[in-house]
């Protein structure tokens, strides 16, 4: 392999105008979006964060006995958006006694 003395050029970059800045969405819309994603992720391996690409398409690397930590955390976020309390905050537990 030959040594190249000049670096490779960077790929082209697009700077979006300021009118396309991100904006907040309501918690209910975030909950609906996340619920739809998690429902589809159970049947579509391409939506799993740890899926791999095989000759037959995307394949999920997880089985039922080894759940995906990212999907688990997203389900906790979904529950929080729905108003569920998943556990006591340890910071407040220390202050109370």
PDB file of N, CA and C in Angstrom:
ATOM      1  N   UNK A   1       0.842  -1.171   0.000  1.00  0.00           N
ATOM      2  CA  UNK A   1       0.000   0.000   0.000  1.00  0.00           C
ATOM      3  C   UNK A   1       0.886   1.233   0.000  1.00  0.00           C
ATOM      4  N   UNK A   2       0.616   2.143  -0.888  1.00  0.00           N
ATOM      5  CA  UNK A   2       1.425   3.356  -1.019  1.00  0.00           C
ATOM      6  C   UNK A   2       0.994   4.383   0.015  1.00  0.00           C
ATOM      7  N   UNK A   3       1.968   5.133   0.477  1.00  0.00           N
ATOM      8  CA  UNK A   3       1.693   6.194   1.439  1.00  0.00           C
ATOM      9  C   UNK A   3       1.255   7.443   0.691  1.00  0.00           C
ATOM     10  N   UNK A   4       0.177   8.056   1.141  1.00  0.00           N
ATOM     11  CA  UNK A   4      -0.294   9.287   0.517  1.00  0.00           C
ATOM     12  C   UNK A   4       0.081  10.460   1.412  1.00  0.00           C
ATOM     13  N   UNK A   5       0.745  11.439   0.821  1.00  0.00           N
ATOM     14  CA  UNK A   5       1.190  12.577   1.622  1.00  0.00           C
ATOM     15  C   UNK A   5       0.103  13.630   1.802  1.00  0.00           C
ATOM     16  N   UNK A   6      -0.923  13.609   0.960  1.00  0.00           N
ATOM     17  CA  UNK A   6      -1.982  14.600   1.103  1.00  0.00           C
ATOM     18  C   UNK A   6      -3.222  13.939   1.701  1.00  0.00           C
ATOM     19  N   UNK A   7      -3.914  14.622   2.585  1.00  0.00           N
ATOM     20  CA  UNK A   7      -5.118  14.025   3.182  1.00  0.00           C
ATOM     21  C   UNK A   7      -6.272  13.996   2.189  1.00  0.00           C
ATOM     22  N   UNK A   8      -7.211  13.123   2.457  1.00  0.00           N
ATOM     23  CA  UNK A   8      -8.407  13.036   1.620  1.00  0.00           C
ATOM     24  C   UNK A   8      -9.303  14.237   1.902  1.00  0.00           C
ATOM     25  N   UNK A   9      -9.951  14.785   0.884  1.00  0.00           N
ATOM     26  CA  UNK A   9     -10.849  15.924   1.137  1.00  0.00           C
ATOM     27  C   UNK A   9     -12.080  15.479   1.924  1.00  0.00           C
ATOM     28  N   UNK A  10     -12.627  16.401   2.680  1.00  0.00           N
ATOM     29  CA  UNK A  10     -13.830  16.111   3.448  1.00  0.00           C
ATOM     30  C   UNK A  10     -15.033  16.026   2.515  1.00  0.00           C
ATOM     31  N   UNK A  11     -16.051  15.276   2.907  1.00  0.00           N
ATOM     32  CA  UNK A  11     -17.254  15.207   2.068  1.00  0.00           C
ATOM     33  C   UNK A  11     -17.974  16.550   2.058  1.00  0.00           C
ATOM     34  N   UNK A  12     -18.828  16.787   1.073  1.00  0.00           N
ATOM     35  CA  UNK A  12     -19.541  18.062   1.023  1.00  0.00           C
ATOM     36  C   UNK A  12     -20.432  18.250   2.252  1.00  0.00           C
ATOM     37  N   UNK A  13     -20.570  19.477   2.675  1.00  0.00           N
ATOM     38  CA  UNK A  13     -21.353  19.808   3.862  1.00  0.00           C
ATOM     39  C   UNK A  13     -22.498  20.733   3.489  1.00  0.00           C
ATOM     40  N   UNK A  14     -23.623  20.547   4.136  1.00  0.00           N
ATOM     41  CA  UNK A  14     -24.768  21.422   3.922  1.00  0.00           C
ATOM     42  C   UNK A  14     -25.101  22.116   5.233  1.00  0.00           C
ATOM     43  N   UNK A  15     -25.157  23.430   5.211  1.00  0.00           N
ATOM     44  CA  UNK A  15     -25.553  24.195   6.386  1.00  0.00           C
ATOM     45  C   UNK A  15     -26.989  24.637   6.164  1.00  0.00           C
ATOM     46  N   UNK A  16     -27.858  24.194   7.054  1.00  0.00           N
ATOM     47  CA  UNK A  16     -29.273  24.516   6.920  1.00  0.00           C
ATOM     48  C   UNK A  16     -29.537  25.924   7.435  1.00  0.00           C
ATOM     49  N   UNK A  17     -30.439  26.648   6.795  1.00  0.00           N
ATOM     50  CA  UNK A  17     -30.742  28.005   7.253  1.00  0.00           C
ATOM     51  C   UNK A  17     -31.375  28.002   8.643  1.00  0.00           C
ATOM     52  N   UNK A  18     -31.316  29.143   9.307  1.00  0.00           N
ATOM     53  CA  UNK A  18     -31.788  29.227  10.688  1.00  0.00           C
ATOM     54  C   UNK A  18     -33.291  29.019  10.819  1.00  0.00           C
ATOM     55  N   UNK A  19     -34.053  29.127   9.742  1.00  0.00           N
ATOM     56  CA  UNK A  19     -35.499  28.948   9.840  1.00  0.00           C
ATOM     57  C   UNK A  19     -35.893  27.496  10.079  1.00  0.00           C
ATOM     58  N   UNK A  20     -34.952  26.566   9.923  1.00  0.00           N
ATOM     59  CA  UNK A  20     -35.261  25.155  10.128  1.00  0.00           C
ATOM     60  C   UNK A  20     -34.762  24.667  11.481  1.00  0.00           C
ATOM     61  N   UNK A  21     -34.653  25.558  12.453  1.00  0.00           N
ATOM     62  CA  UNK A  21     -34.200  25.137  13.780  1.00  0.00           C
ATOM     63  C   UNK A  21     -35.188  24.148  14.384  1.00  0.00           C
ATOM     64  N   UNK A  22     -34.690  23.373  15.304  1.00  0.00           N
ATOM     65  CA  UNK A  22     -35.561  22.412  15.968  1.00  0.00           C
ATOM     66  C   UNK A  22     -36.527  23.136  16.893  1.00  0.00           C
ATOM     67  N   UNK A  23     -37.608  22.493  17.191  1.00  0.00           N
ATOM     68  CA  UNK A  23     -38.593  23.066  18.100  1.00  0.00           C
ATOM     69  C   UNK A  23     -39.132  21.961  19.002  1.00  0.00           C
ATOM     70  N   UNK A  24     -39.618  22.365  20.153  1.00  0.00           N
ATOM     71  CA  UNK A  24     -40.159  21.410  21.117  1.00  0.00           C
ATOM     72  C   UNK A  24     -41.516  20.895  20.650  1.00  0.00           C
ATOM     73  N   UNK A  25     -41.779  19.638  21.008  1.00  0.00           N
ATOM     74  CA  UNK A  25     -43.094  19.070  20.730  1.00  0.00           C
ATOM     75  C   UNK A  25     -43.741  18.743  22.075  1.00  0.00           C
ATOM     76  N   UNK A  26     -45.049  18.680  22.130  1.00  0.00           N
ATOM     77  CA  UNK A  26     -45.718  18.346  23.393  1.00  0.00           C
ATOM     78  C   UNK A  26     -45.390  16.919  23.833  1.00  0.00           C
ATOM     79  N   UNK A  27     -45.481  16.683  25.137  1.00  0.00           N
ATOM     80  CA  UNK A  27     -45.206  15.348  25.676  1.00  0.00           C
ATOM     81  C   UNK A  27     -46.135  14.302  25.085  1.00  0.00           C
ATOM     82  N   UNK A  28     -47.375  14.676  24.824  1.00  0.00           N
ATOM     83  CA  UNK A  28     -48.320  13.705  24.256  1.00  0.00           C
ATOM     84  C   UNK A  28     -47.893  13.278  22.852  1.00  0.00           C
ATOM     85  N   UNK A  29     -47.383  14.228  22.063  1.00  0.00           N
ATOM     86  CA  UNK A  29     -46.910  13.883  20.717  1.00  0.00           C
ATOM     87  C   UNK A  29     -45.656  13.017  20.794  1.00  0.00           C
ATOM     88  N   UNK A  30     -44.767  13.322  21.747  1.00  0.00           N
ATOM     89  CA  UNK A  30     -43.562  12.507  21.926  1.00  0.00           C
ATOM     90  C   UNK A  30     -43.939  11.095  22.358  1.00  0.00           C
ATOM     91  N   UNK A  31     -44.931  10.983  23.239  1.00  0.00           N
ATOM     92  CA  UNK A  31     -45.389   9.666  23.691  1.00  0.00           C
ATOM     93  C   UNK A  31     -45.967   8.869  22.529  1.00  0.00           C
ATOM     94  N   UNK A  32     -46.787   9.505  21.707  1.00  0.00           N
ATOM     95  CA  UNK A  32     -47.379   8.815  20.557  1.00  0.00           C
ATOM     96  C   UNK A  32     -46.311   8.358  19.569  1.00  0.00           C
ATOM     97  N   UNK A  33     -45.334   9.221  19.295  1.00  0.00           N
ATOM     98  CA  UNK A  33     -44.258   8.879  18.369  1.00  0.00           C
ATOM     99  C   UNK A  33     -43.430   7.717  18.911  1.00  0.00           C
ATOM    100  N   UNK A  34     -43.068   7.791  20.200  1.00  0.00           N
ATOM    101  CA  UNK A  34     -42.250   6.742  20.803  1.00  0.00           C
ATOM    102  C   UNK A  34     -43.023   5.430  20.884  1.00  0.00           C
ATOM    103  N   UNK A  35     -44.313   5.492  21.179  1.00  0.00           N
ATOM    104  CA  UNK A  35     -45.135   4.274  21.220  1.00  0.00           C
ATOM    105  C   UNK A  35     -45.183   3.603  19.854  1.00  0.00           C
ATOM    106  N   UNK A  36     -45.373   4.402  18.818  1.00  0.00           N
ATOM    107  CA  UNK A  36     -45.417   3.845  17.462  1.00  0.00           C
ATOM    108  C   UNK A  36     -44.076   3.215  17.090  1.00  0.00           C
ATOM    109  N   UNK A  37     -42.976   3.877  17.457  1.00  0.00           N
ATOM    110  CA  UNK A  37     -41.648   3.327  17.161  1.00  0.00           C
ATOM    111  C   UNK A  37     -41.438   2.001  17.889  1.00  0.00           C
ATOM    112  N   UNK A  38     -41.764   1.955  19.177  1.00  0.00           N
ATOM    113  CA  UNK A  38     -41.544   0.734  19.947  1.00  0.00           C
ATOM    114  C   UNK A  38     -42.439  -0.397  19.460  1.00  0.00           C
ATOM    115  N   UNK A  39     -43.663  -0.085  19.041  1.00  0.00           N
ATOM    116  CA  UNK A  39     -44.539  -1.117  18.475  1.00  0.00           C
ATOM    117  C   UNK A  39     -43.946  -1.690  17.190  1.00  0.00           C
ATOM    118  N   UNK A  40     -43.433  -0.817  16.338  1.00  0.00           N
ATOM    119  CA  UNK A  40     -42.830  -1.292  15.084  1.00  0.00           C
ATOM    120  C   UNK A  40     -41.515  -2.017  15.338  1.00  0.00           C
ATOM    121  N   UNK A  41     -40.764  -1.592  16.359  1.00  0.00           N
ATOM    122  CA  UNK A  41     -39.462  -2.207  16.640  1.00  0.00           C
ATOM    123  C   UNK A  41     -39.600  -3.650  17.106  1.00  0.00           C
ATOM    124  N   UNK A  42     -40.758  -4.025  17.653  1.00  0.00           N
ATOM    125  CA  UNK A  42     -40.930  -5.412  18.091  1.00  0.00           C
ATOM    126  C   UNK A  42     -41.024  -6.374  16.918  1.00  0.00           C
ATOM    127  N   UNK A  43     -41.473  -5.880  15.754  1.00  0.00           N
ATOM    128  CA  UNK A  43     -41.632  -6.765  14.595  1.00  0.00           C
ATOM    129  C   UNK A  43     -40.652  -6.469  13.465  1.00  0.00           C
ATOM    130  N   UNK A  44     -40.029  -5.311  13.482  1.00  0.00           N
ATOM    131  CA  UNK A  44     -39.124  -4.919  12.397  1.00  0.00           C
ATOM    132  C   UNK A  44     -37.693  -4.855  12.922  1.00  0.00           C
ATOM    133  N   UNK A  45     -36.841  -5.833  12.597  1.00  0.00           N
ATOM    134  CA  UNK A  45     -35.486  -5.840  13.132  1.00  0.00           C
ATOM    135  C   UNK A  45     -34.635  -4.660  12.668  1.00  0.00           C
ATOM    136  N   UNK A  46     -35.010  -4.003  11.581  1.00  0.00           N
ATOM    137  CA  UNK A  46     -34.211  -2.862  11.131  1.00  0.00           C
ATOM    138  C   UNK A  46     -34.324  -1.683  12.088  1.00  0.00           C
ATOM    139  N   UNK A  47     -35.331  -1.676  12.952  1.00  0.00           N
ATOM    140  CA  UNK A  47     -35.493  -0.604  13.930  1.00  0.00           C
ATOM    141  C   UNK A  47     -34.809  -0.906  15.257  1.00  0.00           C
ATOM    142  N   UNK A  48     -34.244  -2.099  15.388  1.00  0.00           N
ATOM    143  CA  UNK A  48     -33.506  -2.445  16.601  1.00  0.00           C
ATOM    144  C   UNK A  48     -32.124  -1.802  16.553  1.00  0.00           C
ATOM    145  N   UNK A  49     -31.677  -1.176  17.645  1.00  0.00           N
ATOM    146  CA  UNK A  49     -30.379  -0.486  17.628  1.00  0.00           C
ATOM    147  C   UNK A  49     -29.184  -1.399  17.372  1.00  0.00           C
ATOM    148  N   UNK A  50     -29.305  -2.672  17.699  1.00  0.00           N
ATOM    149  CA  UNK A  50     -28.164  -3.574  17.537  1.00  0.00           C
ATOM    150  C   UNK A  50     -28.340  -4.553  16.377  1.00  0.00           C
ATOM    151  N   UNK A  51     -29.209  -4.235  15.437  1.00  0.00           N
ATOM    152  CA  UNK A  51     -29.434  -5.153  14.324  1.00  0.00           C
ATOM    153  C   UNK A  51     -28.221  -5.173  13.400  1.00  0.00           C
ATOM    154  N   UNK A  52     -28.052  -6.294  12.736  1.00  0.00           N
ATOM    155  CA  UNK A  52     -26.965  -6.446  11.778  1.00  0.00           C
ATOM    156  C   UNK A  52     -27.568  -6.743  10.410  1.00  0.00           C
ATOM    157  N   UNK A  53     -26.814  -6.463   9.390  1.00  0.00           N
ATOM    158  CA  UNK A  53     -27.290  -6.674   8.027  1.00  0.00           C
ATOM    159  C   UNK A  53     -26.734  -7.990   7.504  1.00  0.00           C
ATOM    160  N   UNK A  54     -27.634  -8.872   7.086  1.00  0.00           N
ATOM    161  CA  UNK A  54     -27.227 -10.153   6.518  1.00  0.00           C
ATOM    162  C   UNK A  54     -27.650 -10.191   5.052  1.00  0.00           C
ATOM    163  N   UNK A  55     -27.416 -11.296   4.414  1.00  0.00           N
ATOM    164  CA  UNK A  55     -27.812 -11.452   3.024  1.00  0.00           C
ATOM    165  C   UNK A  55     -29.318 -11.441   2.830  1.00  0.00           C
ATOM    166  N   UNK A  56     -30.056 -11.721   3.898  1.00  0.00           N
ATOM    167  CA  UNK A  56     -31.519 -11.745   3.833  1.00  0.00           C
ATOM    168  C   UNK A  56     -32.144 -10.458   4.361  1.00  0.00           C
ATOM    169  N   UNK A  57     -31.337  -9.495   4.764  1.00  0.00           N
ATOM    170  CA  UNK A  57     -31.848  -8.238   5.301  1.00  0.00           C
ATOM    171  C   UNK A  57     -31.419  -8.046   6.746  1.00  0.00           C
ATOM    172  N   UNK A  58     -31.977  -7.053   7.438  1.00  0.00           N
ATOM    173  CA  UNK A  58     -31.594  -6.797   8.822  1.00  0.00           C
ATOM    174  C   UNK A  58     -32.033  -7.921   9.753  1.00  0.00           C
ATOM    175  N   UNK A  59     -31.164  -8.247  10.703  1.00  0.00           N
ATOM    176  CA  UNK A  59     -31.430  -9.297  11.676  1.00  0.00           C
ATOM    177  C   UNK A  59     -31.158  -8.729  13.058  1.00  0.00           C
ATOM    178  N   UNK A  60     -32.101  -8.913  13.981  1.00  0.00           N
ATOM    179  CA  UNK A  60     -31.918  -8.440  15.347  1.00  0.00           C
ATOM    180  C   UNK A  60     -30.935  -9.352  16.066  1.00  0.00           C
ATOM    181  N   UNK A  61     -30.017  -8.761  16.797  1.00  0.00           N
ATOM    182  CA  UNK A  61     -29.017  -9.544  17.514  1.00  0.00           C
ATOM    183  C   UNK A  61     -29.542 -10.049  18.849  1.00  0.00           C
ATOM    184  N   UNK A  62     -30.677  -9.540  19.305  1.00  0.00           N
ATOM    185  CA  UNK A  62     -31.220  -9.926  20.603  1.00  0.00           C
ATOM    186  C   UNK A  62     -32.245 -11.030  20.472  1.00  0.00           C
ATOM    187  N   UNK A  63     -32.324 -11.807  21.541  1.00  0.00           N
ATOM    188  CA  UNK A  63     -33.381 -12.801  21.656  1.00  0.00           C
ATOM    189  C   UNK A  63     -34.215 -12.437  22.876  1.00  0.00           C
ATOM    190  N   UNK A  64     -35.231 -13.202  23.156  1.00  0.00           N
ATOM    191  CA  UNK A  64     -36.090 -12.911  24.298  1.00  0.00           C
ATOM    192  C   UNK A  64     -35.369 -12.959  25.628  1.00  0.00           C
ATOM    193  N   UNK A  65     -34.336 -13.797  25.744  1.00  0.00           N
ATOM    194  CA  UNK A  65     -33.639 -13.933  27.021  1.00  0.00           C
ATOM    195  C   UNK A  65     -32.634 -12.811  27.263  1.00  0.00           C
ATOM    196  N   UNK A  66     -32.232 -12.112  26.217  1.00  0.00           N
ATOM    197  CA  UNK A  66     -31.288 -11.004  26.383  1.00  0.00           C
ATOM    198  C   UNK A  66     -31.898  -9.739  25.793  1.00  0.00           C
ATOM    199  N   UNK A  67     -32.653  -9.004  26.588  1.00  0.00           N
ATOM    200  CA  UNK A  67     -33.311  -7.805  26.053  1.00  0.00           C
ATOM    201  C   UNK A  67     -32.309  -6.712  25.713  1.00  0.00           C
ATOM    202  N   UNK A  68     -32.699  -5.852  24.819  1.00  0.00           N
ATOM    203  CA  UNK A  68     -31.866  -4.742  24.386  1.00  0.00           C
ATOM    204  C   UNK A  68     -31.967  -3.620  25.407  1.00  0.00           C
ATOM    205  N   UNK A  69     -30.837  -3.150  25.920  1.00  0.00           N
ATOM    206  CA  UNK A  69     -30.828  -2.116  26.952  1.00  0.00           C
ATOM    207  C   UNK A  69     -31.380  -0.796  26.431  1.00  0.00           C
ATOM    208  N   UNK A  70     -31.101  -0.469  25.183  1.00  0.00           N
ATOM    209  CA  UNK A  70     -31.592   0.794  24.619  1.00  0.00           C
ATOM    210  C   UNK A  70     -33.115   0.764  24.505  1.00  0.00           C
ATOM    211  N   UNK A  71     -33.667  -0.337  24.015  1.00  0.00           N
ATOM    212  CA  UNK A  71     -35.122  -0.460  23.910  1.00  0.00           C
ATOM    213  C   UNK A  71     -35.743  -0.436  25.307  1.00  0.00           C
ATOM    214  N   UNK A  72     -35.101  -1.078  26.272  1.00  0.00           N
ATOM    215  CA  UNK A  72     -35.595  -1.063  27.652  1.00  0.00           C
ATOM    216  C   UNK A  72     -35.657   0.368  28.185  1.00  0.00           C
ATOM    217  N   UNK A  73     -34.602   1.139  27.955  1.00  0.00           N
ATOM    218  CA  UNK A  73     -34.589   2.524  28.424  1.00  0.00           C
ATOM    219  C   UNK A  73     -35.619   3.376  27.692  1.00  0.00           C
ATOM    220  N   UNK A  74     -35.831   3.127  26.402  1.00  0.00           N
ATOM    221  CA  UNK A  74     -36.870   3.857  25.672  1.00  0.00           C
ATOM    222  C   UNK A  74     -38.261   3.532  26.217  1.00  0.00           C
ATOM    223  N   UNK A  75     -38.469   2.292  26.648  1.00  0.00           N
ATOM    224  CA  UNK A  75     -39.753   1.939  27.255  1.00  0.00           C
ATOM    225  C   UNK A  75     -39.940   2.662  28.585  1.00  0.00           C
ATOM    226  N   UNK A  76     -38.851   2.874  29.319  1.00  0.00           N
ATOM    227  CA  UNK A  76     -38.937   3.641  30.565  1.00  0.00           C
ATOM    228  C   UNK A  76     -39.261   5.105  30.275  1.00  0.00           C
ATOM    229  N   UNK A  77     -38.674   5.655  29.217  1.00  0.00           N
ATOM    230  CA  UNK A  77     -38.993   7.030  28.823  1.00  0.00           C
ATOM    231  C   UNK A  77     -40.460   7.121  28.426  1.00  0.00           C
ATOM    232  N   UNK A  78     -40.936   6.137  27.684  1.00  0.00           N
ATOM    233  CA  UNK A  78     -42.341   6.107  27.271  1.00  0.00           C
ATOM    234  C   UNK A  78     -43.256   6.078  28.494  1.00  0.00           C
ATOM    235  N   UNK A  79     -42.912   5.275  29.484  1.00  0.00           N
ATOM    236  CA  UNK A  79     -43.724   5.211  30.702  1.00  0.00           C
ATOM    237  C   UNK A  79     -43.697   6.550  31.437  1.00  0.00           C
ATOM    238  N   UNK A  80     -42.547   7.202  31.469  1.00  0.00           N
ATOM    239  CA  UNK A  80     -42.456   8.514  32.100  1.00  0.00           C
ATOM    240  C   UNK A  80     -43.290   9.554  31.377  1.00  0.00           C
ATOM    241  N   UNK A  81     -43.305   9.490  30.049  1.00  0.00           N
ATOM    242  CA  UNK A  81     -44.135  10.419  29.278  1.00  0.00           C
ATOM    243  C   UNK A  81     -45.623  10.177  29.526  1.00  0.00           C
ATOM    244  N   UNK A  82     -45.975   8.940  29.870  1.00  0.00           N
ATOM    245  CA  UNK A  82     -47.367   8.612  30.165  1.00  0.00           C
ATOM    246  C   UNK A  82     -47.744   8.995  31.591  1.00  0.00           C
ATOM    247  N   UNK A  83     -46.773   9.465  32.376  1.00  0.00           N
ATOM    248  CA  UNK A  83     -47.057   9.900  33.737  1.00  0.00           C
ATOM    249  C   UNK A  83     -46.815   8.853  34.796  1.00  0.00           C
ATOM    250  N   UNK A  84     -46.271   7.710  34.428  1.00  0.00           N
ATOM    251  CA  UNK A  84     -45.994   6.666  35.412  1.00  0.00           C
ATOM    252  C   UNK A  84     -44.757   7.036  36.220  1.00  0.00           C
ATOM    253  N   UNK A  85     -44.786   6.712  37.505  1.00  0.00           N
ATOM    254  CA  UNK A  85     -43.624   6.907  38.367  1.00  0.00           C
ATOM    255  C   UNK A  85     -42.955   5.546  38.492  1.00  0.00           C
ATOM    256  N   UNK A  86     -41.730   5.449  38.013  1.00  0.00           N
ATOM    257  CA  UNK A  86     -41.057   4.152  37.958  1.00  0.00           C
ATOM    258  C   UNK A  86     -40.242   3.850  39.205  1.00  0.00           C
ATOM    259  N   UNK A  87     -40.029   4.828  40.035  1.00  0.00           N
ATOM    260  CA  UNK A  87     -39.276   4.608  41.258  1.00  0.00           C
ATOM    261  C   UNK A  87     -38.992   5.925  41.937  1.00  0.00           C
ATOM    262  N   UNK A  88     -38.598   5.852  43.186  1.00  0.00           N
ATOM    263  CA  UNK A  88     -38.282   7.067  43.923  1.00  0.00           C
ATOM    264  C   UNK A  88     -36.957   7.626  43.455  1.00  0.00           C
ATOM    265  N   UNK A  89     -36.872   8.924  43.453  1.00  0.00           N
ATOM    266  CA  UNK A  89     -35.622   9.586  43.131  1.00  0.00           C
ATOM    267  C   UNK A  89     -34.722   9.507  44.360  1.00  0.00           C
ATOM    268  N   UNK A  90     -33.535   8.950  44.209  1.00  0.00           N
ATOM    269  CA  UNK A  90     -32.642   8.765  45.348  1.00  0.00           C
ATOM    270  C   UNK A  90     -32.168  10.087  45.933  1.00  0.00           C
ATOM    271  N   UNK A  91     -32.145  11.137  45.139  1.00  0.00           N
ATOM    272  CA  UNK A  91     -31.753  12.448  45.650  1.00  0.00           C
ATOM    273  C   UNK A  91     -32.743  12.915  46.707  1.00  0.00           C
ATOM    274  N   UNK A  92     -34.026  12.768  46.434  1.00  0.00           N
ATOM    275  CA  UNK A  92     -35.045  13.175  47.401  1.00  0.00           C
ATOM    276  C   UNK A  92     -35.083  12.227  48.592  1.00  0.00           C
ATOM    277  N   UNK A  93     -34.774  10.967  48.387  1.00  0.00           N
ATOM    278  CA  UNK A  93     -34.760  10.012  49.485  1.00  0.00           C
ATOM    279  C   UNK A  93     -33.685  10.381  50.503  1.00  0.00           C
ATOM    280  N   UNK A  94     -32.536  10.875  50.044  1.00  0.00           N
ATOM    281  CA  UNK A  94     -31.470  11.292  50.959  1.00  0.00           C
ATOM    282  C   UNK A  94     -31.885  12.523  51.751  1.00  0.00           C
ATOM    283  N   UNK A  95     -32.600  13.436  51.117  1.00  0.00           N
ATOM    284  CA  UNK A  95     -33.023  14.660  51.791  1.00  0.00           C
ATOM    285  C   UNK A  95     -34.101  14.392  52.839  1.00  0.00           C
ATOM    286  N   UNK A  96     -34.937  13.392  52.602  1.00  0.00           N
ATOM    287  CA  UNK A  96     -36.033  13.100  53.520  1.00  0.00           C
ATOM    288  C   UNK A  96     -35.580  12.349  54.754  1.00  0.00           C
ATOM    289  N   UNK A  97     -34.465  11.736  54.672  1.00  0.00           N
ATOM    290  CA  UNK A  97     -34.096  11.121  55.913  1.00  0.00           C
ATOM    291  C   UNK A  97     -33.219   9.976  55.848  1.00  0.00           C
TER     292      UNK A  97
END
